[in-house]
Protein backbone atom coordinates (compact mmCIF):
# COMPACT_ATOMS: atom_id res chain seq x y z
CA MET A 1 155.79 152.99 -103.29
CA ARG A 2 155.75 150.65 -100.20
CA LEU A 3 158.73 152.41 -98.83
CA PHE A 4 157.45 156.02 -99.29
CA HIS A 5 154.20 154.73 -97.42
CA ALA A 6 156.47 153.40 -94.64
CA CYS A 7 158.51 156.71 -94.83
CA SER A 8 155.50 158.97 -94.33
CA ILE A 9 153.82 156.88 -91.57
CA ALA A 10 157.36 157.47 -89.62
CA ALA A 11 157.63 160.83 -90.54
CA LEU A 12 153.71 161.67 -89.32
CA ALA A 13 154.66 159.36 -86.22
CA ALA A 14 157.67 161.50 -85.30
CA ALA A 15 155.62 164.84 -85.94
CA ALA A 16 152.84 163.55 -83.45
CA ILE A 17 155.02 163.31 -80.61
CA GLN A 18 156.86 166.69 -81.21
CA PRO A 19 155.88 169.14 -78.37
CA ALA A 20 153.43 171.66 -79.72
CA LYS A 21 155.15 175.26 -80.14
CA ALA A 22 153.72 177.31 -77.17
CA GLN A 23 151.72 180.43 -78.07
CA THR A 24 153.50 183.89 -77.80
CA PRO A 25 150.93 186.33 -75.68
CA GLU A 26 150.52 187.91 -78.90
CA GLU A 27 148.93 184.97 -80.42
CA PHE A 28 146.92 183.90 -77.69
CA PHE A 29 145.38 187.20 -77.14
CA ARG A 30 144.49 188.11 -80.54
CA GLY A 31 140.96 187.95 -81.21
CA LYS A 32 139.97 187.34 -77.36
CA SER A 33 138.30 189.59 -74.69
CA ILE A 34 139.81 190.15 -71.12
CA GLN A 35 137.10 190.25 -68.64
CA PHE A 36 137.84 192.98 -66.27
CA ILE A 37 135.89 192.12 -63.00
CA ILE A 38 135.30 195.26 -60.88
CA GLY A 39 134.46 194.41 -56.83
CA TYR A 40 132.26 197.62 -56.58
CA GLU A 41 129.01 199.13 -58.23
CA ALA A 42 128.85 201.41 -61.06
CA GLY A 43 129.64 204.99 -60.62
CA SER A 44 131.92 203.98 -57.26
CA GLY A 45 135.59 205.37 -57.46
CA TYR A 46 136.92 201.90 -58.32
CA ASP A 47 134.57 201.20 -61.00
CA LEU A 48 135.31 204.79 -62.58
CA TYR A 49 138.99 203.92 -62.50
CA ALA A 50 138.79 200.49 -63.76
CA ARG A 51 136.58 201.71 -66.73
CA LEU A 52 139.29 204.30 -67.29
CA LEU A 53 141.93 201.68 -67.52
CA ALA A 54 139.85 199.46 -69.73
CA ARG A 55 139.27 201.74 -72.35
CA SER A 56 142.89 202.18 -73.14
CA TYR A 57 144.46 198.64 -71.90
CA GLY A 58 143.71 196.26 -75.04
CA LYS A 59 145.50 198.73 -77.11
CA PHE A 60 148.82 198.05 -75.35
CA ILE A 61 148.50 194.35 -74.66
CA PRO A 62 149.98 192.06 -77.47
CA GLY A 63 147.27 191.15 -79.84
CA ASN A 64 145.12 194.01 -78.90
CA PRO A 65 142.23 191.96 -77.31
CA ALA A 66 139.06 193.63 -76.23
CA VAL A 67 138.86 194.60 -72.29
CA VAL A 68 135.04 194.57 -70.95
CA ALA A 69 134.26 196.02 -67.68
CA ILE A 70 131.80 193.92 -65.55
CA ASN A 71 130.50 195.14 -61.96
CA MET A 72 130.45 192.68 -59.23
CA PRO A 73 129.89 194.08 -56.06
CA GLY A 74 129.19 192.35 -53.10
CA ALA A 75 130.79 191.83 -49.55
CA GLY A 76 133.22 194.47 -49.69
CA SER A 77 134.43 193.23 -53.13
CA ILE A 78 135.27 189.69 -51.50
CA ARG A 79 132.78 188.40 -53.81
CA ALA A 80 134.17 189.45 -56.83
CA ALA A 81 137.83 187.95 -55.31
CA ASN A 82 136.44 184.83 -54.37
CA SER A 83 134.94 184.45 -58.02
CA VAL A 84 138.11 185.04 -59.85
CA TYR A 85 140.23 182.85 -57.62
CA GLU A 86 137.71 180.17 -57.58
CA ARG A 87 136.35 180.07 -60.99
CA SER A 88 138.44 182.13 -63.58
CA PRO A 89 140.52 180.44 -65.99
CA ARG A 90 144.09 181.10 -64.94
CA ASP A 91 145.23 181.87 -68.54
CA GLY A 92 145.24 185.75 -68.53
CA THR A 93 141.70 186.25 -69.92
CA HIS A 94 140.21 187.35 -66.27
CA ILE A 95 141.74 190.06 -64.36
CA LEU A 96 139.73 192.31 -61.61
CA MET A 97 140.00 195.28 -59.39
CA THR A 98 138.75 194.99 -55.81
CA GLY A 99 139.13 196.76 -52.46
CA ARG A 100 142.80 197.43 -51.52
CA GLY A 101 142.21 195.80 -48.23
CA THR A 102 140.71 192.71 -49.94
CA PRO A 103 143.82 190.78 -50.71
CA MET A 104 144.67 191.15 -46.90
CA THR A 105 141.15 189.54 -45.48
CA PRO A 106 143.06 185.72 -44.62
CA LEU A 107 145.76 187.56 -43.08
CA LEU A 108 143.86 189.87 -40.82
CA GLY A 109 141.18 187.03 -39.81
CA GLY A 110 138.42 188.48 -41.98
CA LYS A 111 135.58 185.87 -43.12
CA GLY A 112 134.26 185.08 -46.34
CA ALA A 113 137.59 184.52 -48.29
CA THR A 114 138.26 181.65 -50.21
CA PHE A 115 141.59 182.48 -51.25
CA LYS A 116 144.31 181.99 -48.50
CA ASP A 117 147.34 184.35 -48.63
CA ASN A 118 149.27 186.56 -50.75
CA ASN A 119 150.17 183.76 -53.28
CA SER A 120 146.44 183.69 -54.30
CA PHE A 121 146.54 186.21 -57.16
CA THR A 122 148.87 187.55 -59.84
CA TRP A 123 149.70 191.03 -59.26
CA ILE A 124 149.55 193.42 -62.62
CA GLY A 125 150.01 196.83 -60.98
CA SER A 126 147.93 199.84 -59.35
CA MET A 127 146.66 203.02 -60.92
CA ASN A 128 147.51 204.79 -57.42
CA ASN A 129 149.51 204.99 -54.37
CA GLU A 130 146.38 206.33 -52.44
CA VAL A 131 145.62 208.72 -49.50
CA SER A 132 142.43 208.02 -47.94
CA VAL A 133 140.62 210.61 -46.03
CA CYS A 134 137.55 211.06 -43.46
CA VAL A 135 135.05 213.67 -44.47
CA ALA A 136 132.08 215.37 -42.74
CA MET A 137 129.31 217.11 -44.57
CA LYS A 138 129.51 220.90 -43.40
CA GLU A 139 125.78 220.51 -42.16
CA SER A 140 126.69 217.84 -39.82
CA GLY A 141 128.49 220.67 -37.48
CA PHE A 142 131.86 218.35 -37.65
CA THR A 143 135.05 220.34 -38.53
CA ASP A 144 137.77 218.81 -36.78
CA ILE A 145 138.89 215.21 -35.80
CA SER A 146 139.01 216.29 -32.25
CA GLN A 147 135.40 216.52 -32.25
CA VAL A 148 135.01 212.80 -33.25
CA MET A 149 136.61 212.03 -30.02
CA THR A 150 133.94 213.67 -28.22
CA ARG A 151 130.64 212.64 -29.69
CA GLU A 152 129.43 209.86 -32.08
CA PHE A 153 130.16 210.30 -35.85
CA THR A 154 128.05 208.01 -38.23
CA THR A 155 129.48 206.88 -41.49
CA GLY A 156 128.44 204.69 -44.03
CA ALA A 157 129.97 201.36 -45.07
CA THR A 158 129.62 198.21 -47.40
CA SER A 159 129.98 195.26 -44.92
CA LEU A 160 132.12 194.16 -42.00
CA GLY A 161 135.71 193.01 -42.91
CA ALA A 162 138.20 193.89 -45.13
CA ASP A 163 136.74 196.98 -46.73
CA ASP A 164 138.42 200.40 -45.59
CA THR A 165 134.72 202.05 -44.86
CA THR A 166 134.70 199.36 -41.73
CA VAL A 167 138.35 198.70 -41.01
CA PHE A 168 139.51 202.54 -40.90
CA PRO A 169 137.08 203.70 -38.71
CA ALA A 170 137.31 200.84 -36.30
CA VAL A 171 141.03 201.02 -36.27
CA LEU A 172 140.67 204.87 -35.48
CA ASN A 173 138.39 204.17 -32.52
CA ALA A 174 140.82 201.63 -31.13
CA MET A 175 143.99 203.71 -31.76
CA ILE A 176 143.31 207.32 -31.37
CA GLY A 177 140.03 207.52 -29.52
CA THR A 178 137.46 208.55 -31.89
CA LYS A 179 133.83 207.71 -31.83
CA PHE A 180 132.96 206.47 -35.40
CA LYS A 181 129.82 204.41 -35.91
CA TRP A 182 129.73 202.49 -39.00
CA ILE A 183 126.26 201.79 -40.61
CA THR A 184 126.59 198.82 -43.34
CA GLY A 185 124.69 197.56 -46.10
CA TYR A 186 125.74 200.29 -48.67
CA GLN A 187 126.57 198.82 -52.32
CA GLY A 188 129.50 201.40 -52.60
CA GLY A 189 130.48 204.81 -52.54
CA ALA A 190 127.72 206.30 -54.80
CA ALA A 191 125.18 204.92 -52.00
CA MET A 192 127.20 206.10 -49.36
CA ASN A 193 127.62 209.78 -51.09
CA ILE A 194 123.62 209.67 -51.45
CA ALA A 195 123.32 208.86 -47.71
CA MET A 196 125.49 211.87 -46.58
CA GLU A 197 123.28 214.45 -48.59
CA ARG A 198 120.35 212.92 -46.98
CA GLY A 199 121.43 213.54 -43.71
CA GLU A 200 121.67 209.76 -42.87
CA THR A 201 125.21 209.65 -41.95
CA HIS A 202 127.67 212.50 -41.00
CA GLY A 203 129.91 211.63 -43.54
CA ARG A 204 132.84 209.10 -44.71
CA CYS A 205 135.89 207.79 -43.52
CA GLY A 206 138.16 205.33 -45.75
CA TRP A 207 137.24 207.83 -48.77
CA SER A 208 139.94 207.90 -51.39
CA TRP A 209 141.18 211.43 -51.81
CA SER A 210 141.41 210.70 -55.75
CA SER A 211 137.71 209.64 -55.59
CA VAL A 212 136.71 212.82 -53.70
CA LYS A 213 138.16 214.99 -56.40
CA SER A 214 136.96 212.92 -59.17
CA THR A 215 133.37 212.33 -58.15
CA HIS A 216 132.65 215.40 -56.20
CA PRO A 217 134.68 218.56 -57.03
CA GLU A 218 132.21 220.50 -56.37
CA TRP A 219 131.86 219.59 -52.68
CA LEU A 220 135.44 220.66 -52.48
CA ALA A 221 134.88 224.08 -54.57
CA SER A 222 131.99 224.88 -52.26
CA GLY A 223 133.20 223.88 -49.06
CA ARG A 224 130.21 221.42 -48.26
CA ILE A 225 132.59 219.02 -47.02
CA ASN A 226 135.28 219.37 -44.08
CA ILE A 227 138.45 217.25 -44.46
CA LEU A 228 139.08 215.76 -40.85
CA LEU A 229 142.06 213.14 -41.29
CA GLN A 230 144.28 211.93 -43.74
CA LEU A 231 144.86 208.08 -43.93
CA SER A 232 148.35 206.41 -45.24
CA LEU A 233 151.95 205.75 -44.92
CA ALA A 234 152.80 209.47 -46.15
CA LYS A 235 151.00 212.50 -46.14
CA HIS A 236 149.16 213.85 -49.61
CA SER A 237 151.19 217.05 -51.00
CA GLU A 238 147.59 218.37 -51.59
CA LEU A 239 146.64 218.03 -48.05
CA PRO A 240 149.56 219.71 -45.88
CA ASN A 241 147.54 220.98 -43.10
CA VAL A 242 145.16 218.26 -42.77
CA PRO A 243 146.07 216.07 -39.77
CA PHE A 244 147.92 212.66 -40.69
CA ILE A 245 147.12 209.35 -38.89
CA MET A 246 150.69 208.42 -38.40
CA ASP A 247 151.47 211.61 -36.31
CA PHE A 248 148.84 209.97 -33.83
CA ALA A 249 151.04 206.87 -32.94
CA LYS A 250 152.24 207.12 -29.20
CA THR A 251 154.07 203.59 -29.04
CA ALA A 252 155.77 201.21 -31.28
CA GLU A 253 153.06 198.85 -31.47
CA GLN A 254 150.52 201.39 -32.52
CA LYS A 255 152.85 202.56 -35.19
CA ALA A 256 153.50 198.84 -36.21
CA VAL A 257 149.72 198.08 -36.52
CA LEU A 258 148.87 201.23 -38.43
CA GLU A 259 151.59 200.74 -40.64
CA LEU A 260 150.25 197.41 -41.10
CA ILE A 261 146.53 198.62 -41.91
CA PHE A 262 147.79 201.34 -44.27
CA ALA A 263 150.36 199.29 -46.31
CA ARG A 264 147.22 198.64 -48.31
CA GLN A 265 147.28 202.41 -49.56
CA VAL A 266 150.39 201.80 -51.82
CA MET A 267 148.07 199.49 -54.07
CA GLY A 268 145.11 202.06 -53.81
CA ARG A 269 143.50 200.82 -57.16
CA PRO A 270 144.74 197.24 -57.51
CA VAL A 271 144.77 195.23 -60.81
CA PHE A 272 145.64 191.46 -60.41
CA GLY A 273 144.35 188.36 -61.83
CA PRO A 274 144.09 184.66 -60.60
CA PRO A 275 147.37 182.57 -59.75
CA GLU A 276 149.42 180.24 -61.74
CA MET A 277 148.83 182.65 -64.91
CA PRO A 278 151.67 181.75 -67.69
CA GLN A 279 154.76 183.98 -66.80
CA ASP A 280 154.94 185.24 -70.05
CA ARG A 281 151.32 186.53 -70.25
CA VAL A 282 151.95 188.13 -66.78
CA ILE A 283 154.96 190.06 -68.13
CA ALA A 284 152.91 190.97 -71.06
CA LEU A 285 150.01 192.35 -68.91
CA ARG A 286 152.33 194.24 -66.46
CA ARG A 287 154.32 196.05 -69.34
CA ALA A 288 150.90 196.77 -71.00
CA PHE A 289 149.56 198.21 -67.94
CA ASP A 290 153.11 200.23 -67.37
CA ALA A 291 152.48 201.72 -70.76
CA VAL A 292 149.21 202.66 -70.28
CA MET A 293 149.86 204.60 -67.15
CA LYS A 294 152.28 206.75 -69.42
CA ASP A 295 149.92 207.00 -72.59
CA GLU A 296 149.47 210.47 -73.11
CA THR A 297 145.95 210.04 -74.33
CA PHE A 298 145.15 207.86 -70.94
CA LEU A 299 146.83 210.56 -69.06
CA ALA A 300 144.67 213.47 -70.74
CA GLU A 301 141.29 211.56 -70.13
CA ALA A 302 142.55 211.02 -66.36
CA ARG A 303 143.12 214.74 -66.01
CA LYS A 304 139.89 215.80 -67.70
CA GLY A 305 137.92 213.81 -64.92
CA ASP A 306 140.39 214.81 -62.44
CA TRP A 307 141.34 211.15 -61.64
CA GLU A 308 144.64 211.13 -60.05
CA VAL A 309 146.88 208.60 -61.30
CA ASN A 310 150.42 207.63 -59.15
CA PRO A 311 150.97 204.29 -60.81
CA VAL A 312 152.94 201.08 -58.99
CA SER A 313 154.20 198.43 -60.78
CA GLY A 314 153.09 194.86 -60.44
CA GLU A 315 156.61 193.62 -59.22
CA VAL A 316 156.41 196.44 -56.44
CA ILE A 317 153.13 195.18 -55.20
CA GLU A 318 153.97 191.63 -55.18
CA ALA A 319 157.17 192.51 -53.20
CA LEU A 320 154.81 194.51 -50.64
CA MET A 321 152.14 191.71 -50.19
CA LYS A 322 155.07 189.21 -49.34
CA ARG A 323 156.45 191.74 -46.70
CA VAL A 324 152.76 192.09 -45.11
CA TYR A 325 152.03 188.42 -44.94
CA GLU A 326 155.42 187.98 -43.02
CA THR A 327 154.39 190.74 -40.57
CA PRO A 328 155.28 189.30 -36.80
CA THR A 329 152.51 187.28 -35.36
CA ALA A 330 152.12 189.58 -32.25
CA ILE A 331 151.56 192.60 -34.56
CA VAL A 332 148.99 190.71 -36.90
CA GLU A 333 147.14 189.55 -33.53
CA LYS A 334 146.86 192.81 -32.21
CA THR A 335 145.67 194.20 -35.42
CA LYS A 336 143.06 191.67 -35.38
CA GLU A 337 141.81 192.56 -32.02
CA VAL A 338 140.86 196.18 -33.50
CA THR A 339 139.76 194.94 -37.05
CA PRO A 340 135.89 194.43 -37.37
CA GLN A 341 134.89 191.12 -38.15
CA PRO A 342 131.95 189.77 -39.87
CA ARG A 343 129.58 187.72 -37.60
């Protein structure tokens, strides 16, 4: 009896010092909820895309967790990025979608970001390789980008800093001589569109082409808006006759600055999480994202809403961000000169 008791104690002690078996992603995610933070207001283009993904994403993640979309607008989506970077658990249960330029804020000298560099986040994928446009309401009288080089054009914006609605007009003013004037304080795209309808602004610059089609197809069909310029590293196949920003570059320096600014378009609808997430869960989230982008039910819903889906993998975005943060200092400094900064 004493021998049995001694053996039992020894067995228990040995078991106690054995390492715990690591949970598989399926075991970890089963029964959990993933918070999907959206850096803009409800009804904005980013919100519509994020919620489209959220409705299908959990079905493809091992363990089938619920995916709950939560809006956290503010500071051109920097508020949401800061919150996830600073406070979210780094276990795969918190992900987010922000403005495509938000992760580049520290590189370009923007204020307000508590994250530091390209290693501050874990990249899952992007729903789009995006092209943005500058548009004018028909009643504004602007029909061509050359007119914006001769008279002031007012456009809505969220806040100074990383957001396309201030960065793109400012870069165009400095690089090609436009006269955009941005009015800040709008919570997101829906509010900016209302301002256009009311005549508070002439139009928008830095508006995703995919959002134009999905949120206001009737404006396109009726000719209520004029498309003045397309902004990306490559022209959109649907806009063959719309002027393309890269065609305006006159020097190697101008081309390099424009390439740095519009590199963000590759991750047009970025999905990412905090740093230091367990690698097996990162892989699970990436592969689930890739699967959603090919799912016929998801794609049918996207087509119904005229939401363009042109996905980019998490691995590609990770490599892109590494290259962006390795841009030569002289080009980064020149880009900072033409990029508006919060005061």
